[in-house]
């Protein structure tokens, strides 16, 4: 049997010493990994929306304009969610 989670993390990492260049570089690498799939999906959706808008303008005029705009909106939401998650992670990590 596994113990039930109370919602509190069992072991918290201490805040990094940002005055030390080695720890600062390690923390920067750690922070890059937070919400990476969400941010990359947002970037991929934005590129897809741009390609779709370009294809609509050049080759496919019957495509509704709402489709690339919708993809761009979803991409913006993903990118914003990635930013919020990273900021919350940074706050929690700095708190210790």
C-alpha atoms as a PDB file:
ATOM      1  CA  UNK A   1       0.000   0.000   0.000  1.00  0.00           C
ATOM      2  CA  UNK A   2       1.225   3.463  -0.794  1.00  0.00           C
ATOM      3  CA  UNK A   3       0.634   6.305   1.640  1.00  0.00           C
ATOM      4  CA  UNK A   4      -2.037   8.796   0.669  1.00  0.00           C
ATOM      5  CA  UNK A   5      -0.830  12.158  -0.512  1.00  0.00           C
ATOM      6  CA  UNK A   6      -1.838  15.132   1.595  1.00  0.00           C
ATOM      7  CA  UNK A   7      -1.190  17.569  -1.234  1.00  0.00           C
ATOM      8  CA  UNK A   8       1.997  18.845   0.374  1.00  0.00           C
ATOM      9  CA  UNK A   9       5.305  17.932  -1.234  1.00  0.00           C
ATOM     10  CA  UNK A  10       7.378  15.686   0.992  1.00  0.00           C
ATOM     11  CA  UNK A  11      10.809  17.101   0.131  1.00  0.00           C
ATOM     12  CA  UNK A  12      11.269  20.681  -0.983  1.00  0.00           C
ATOM     13  CA  UNK A  13      14.365  21.764  -2.803  1.00  0.00           C
ATOM     14  CA  UNK A  14      16.168  24.654  -1.157  1.00  0.00           C
ATOM     15  CA  UNK A  15      16.227  27.906  -3.104  1.00  0.00           C
ATOM     16  CA  UNK A  16      19.240  28.150  -5.402  1.00  0.00           C
ATOM     17  CA  UNK A  17      22.069  30.543  -4.645  1.00  0.00           C
ATOM     18  CA  UNK A  18      21.781  32.865  -7.633  1.00  0.00           C
ATOM     19  CA  UNK A  19      25.025  34.636  -6.701  1.00  0.00           C
ATOM     20  CA  UNK A  20      26.967  31.469  -7.568  1.00  0.00           C
ATOM     21  CA  UNK A  21      27.411  31.206 -11.376  1.00  0.00           C
ATOM     22  CA  UNK A  22      27.338  27.389 -11.343  1.00  0.00           C
ATOM     23  CA  UNK A  23      24.084  27.229  -9.372  1.00  0.00           C
ATOM     24  CA  UNK A  24      22.588  30.030 -11.455  1.00  0.00           C
ATOM     25  CA  UNK A  25      23.368  28.093 -14.671  1.00  0.00           C
ATOM     26  CA  UNK A  26      21.922  24.888 -13.199  1.00  0.00           C
ATOM     27  CA  UNK A  27      18.762  26.724 -12.131  1.00  0.00           C
ATOM     28  CA  UNK A  28      18.422  28.278 -15.598  1.00  0.00           C
ATOM     29  CA  UNK A  29      18.576  24.778 -17.127  1.00  0.00           C
ATOM     30  CA  UNK A  30      16.040  23.549 -14.582  1.00  0.00           C
ATOM     31  CA  UNK A  31      13.700  26.440 -15.339  1.00  0.00           C
ATOM     32  CA  UNK A  32      13.926  25.776 -19.094  1.00  0.00           C
ATOM     33  CA  UNK A  33      12.476  22.308 -18.510  1.00  0.00           C
ATOM     34  CA  UNK A  34       9.377  23.581 -16.668  1.00  0.00           C
ATOM     35  CA  UNK A  35       6.223  23.444 -18.862  1.00  0.00           C
ATOM     36  CA  UNK A  36       8.362  22.680 -21.911  1.00  0.00           C
ATOM     37  CA  UNK A  37       5.743  20.579 -23.771  1.00  0.00           C
ATOM     38  CA  UNK A  38       3.076  23.244 -23.248  1.00  0.00           C
ATOM     39  CA  UNK A  39       5.325  26.016 -24.548  1.00  0.00           C
ATOM     40  CA  UNK A  40       6.504  23.950 -27.533  1.00  0.00           C
ATOM     41  CA  UNK A  41       2.926  23.035 -28.424  1.00  0.00           C
ATOM     42  CA  UNK A  42       2.026  26.734 -28.345  1.00  0.00           C
ATOM     43  CA  UNK A  43       4.924  27.522 -30.662  1.00  0.00           C
ATOM     44  CA  UNK A  44       3.959  24.697 -33.031  1.00  0.00           C
ATOM     45  CA  UNK A  45       0.341  25.894 -33.116  1.00  0.00           C
ATOM     46  CA  UNK A  46       1.466  29.468 -33.844  1.00  0.00           C
ATOM     47  CA  UNK A  47       3.661  28.268 -36.719  1.00  0.00           C
ATOM     48  CA  UNK A  48       0.806  26.120 -38.001  1.00  0.00           C
ATOM     49  CA  UNK A  49      -1.560  29.094 -37.854  1.00  0.00           C
ATOM     50  CA  UNK A  50       0.915  31.236 -39.799  1.00  0.00           C
ATOM     51  CA  UNK A  51       1.363  28.534 -42.444  1.00  0.00           C
ATOM     52  CA  UNK A  52      -2.400  28.092 -42.686  1.00  0.00           C
ATOM     53  CA  UNK A  53      -2.942  31.852 -43.019  1.00  0.00           C
ATOM     54  CA  UNK A  54      -0.294  32.030 -45.722  1.00  0.00           C
ATOM     55  CA  UNK A  55      -1.799  29.085 -47.570  1.00  0.00           C
ATOM     56  CA  UNK A  56      -5.220  30.698 -47.336  1.00  0.00           C
ATOM     57  CA  UNK A  57      -3.957  33.989 -48.721  1.00  0.00           C
ATOM     58  CA  UNK A  58      -1.975  32.407 -51.551  1.00  0.00           C
ATOM     59  CA  UNK A  59      -3.553  29.098 -52.566  1.00  0.00           C
ATOM     60  CA  UNK A  60      -6.731  28.342 -50.600  1.00  0.00           C
ATOM     61  CA  UNK A  61      -9.028  31.419 -50.460  1.00  0.00           C
ATOM     62  CA  UNK A  62     -12.154  29.370 -49.654  1.00  0.00           C
ATOM     63  CA  UNK A  63     -10.688  28.423 -46.249  1.00  0.00           C
ATOM     64  CA  UNK A  64     -12.492  30.373 -43.491  1.00  0.00           C
ATOM     65  CA  UNK A  65     -10.261  32.999 -41.870  1.00  0.00           C
ATOM     66  CA  UNK A  66     -11.521  31.952 -38.441  1.00  0.00           C
ATOM     67  CA  UNK A  67      -9.497  28.726 -38.592  1.00  0.00           C
ATOM     68  CA  UNK A  68      -6.001  30.313 -38.537  1.00  0.00           C
ATOM     69  CA  UNK A  69      -7.233  32.897 -36.039  1.00  0.00           C
ATOM     70  CA  UNK A  70      -8.579  30.159 -33.779  1.00  0.00           C
ATOM     71  CA  UNK A  71      -5.264  28.277 -33.961  1.00  0.00           C
ATOM     72  CA  UNK A  72      -3.398  31.476 -33.153  1.00  0.00           C
ATOM     73  CA  UNK A  73      -5.655  32.063 -30.139  1.00  0.00           C
ATOM     74  CA  UNK A  74      -5.103  28.532 -28.858  1.00  0.00           C
ATOM     75  CA  UNK A  75      -1.354  28.997 -29.362  1.00  0.00           C
ATOM     76  CA  UNK A  76      -1.425  32.218 -27.352  1.00  0.00           C
ATOM     77  CA  UNK A  77      -3.270  30.436 -24.529  1.00  0.00           C
ATOM     78  CA  UNK A  78      -0.667  27.664 -24.473  1.00  0.00           C
ATOM     79  CA  UNK A  79       2.208  30.130 -24.410  1.00  0.00           C
ATOM     80  CA  UNK A  80       0.540  32.150 -21.656  1.00  0.00           C
ATOM     81  CA  UNK A  81      -0.120  28.994 -19.630  1.00  0.00           C
ATOM     82  CA  UNK A  82       3.552  28.034 -19.958  1.00  0.00           C
ATOM     83  CA  UNK A  83       4.597  31.465 -18.704  1.00  0.00           C
ATOM     84  CA  UNK A  84       2.236  31.256 -15.721  1.00  0.00           C
ATOM     85  CA  UNK A  85       3.378  27.742 -14.804  1.00  0.00           C
ATOM     86  CA  UNK A  86       7.034  28.778 -14.966  1.00  0.00           C
ATOM     87  CA  UNK A  87       6.374  31.868 -12.850  1.00  0.00           C
ATOM     88  CA  UNK A  88       4.527  29.808 -10.221  1.00  0.00           C
ATOM     89  CA  UNK A  89       7.331  27.244 -10.190  1.00  0.00           C
ATOM     90  CA  UNK A  90       9.915  30.006  -9.760  1.00  0.00           C
ATOM     91  CA  UNK A  91       7.948  31.552  -6.894  1.00  0.00           C
ATOM     92  CA  UNK A  92       7.616  28.219  -5.121  1.00  0.00           C
ATOM     93  CA  UNK A  93      11.278  27.395  -5.661  1.00  0.00           C
ATOM     94  CA  UNK A  94      12.457  30.768  -4.362  1.00  0.00           C
ATOM     95  CA  UNK A  95      10.222  30.369  -1.331  1.00  0.00           C
ATOM     96  CA  UNK A  96      11.996  27.123  -0.523  1.00  0.00           C
END
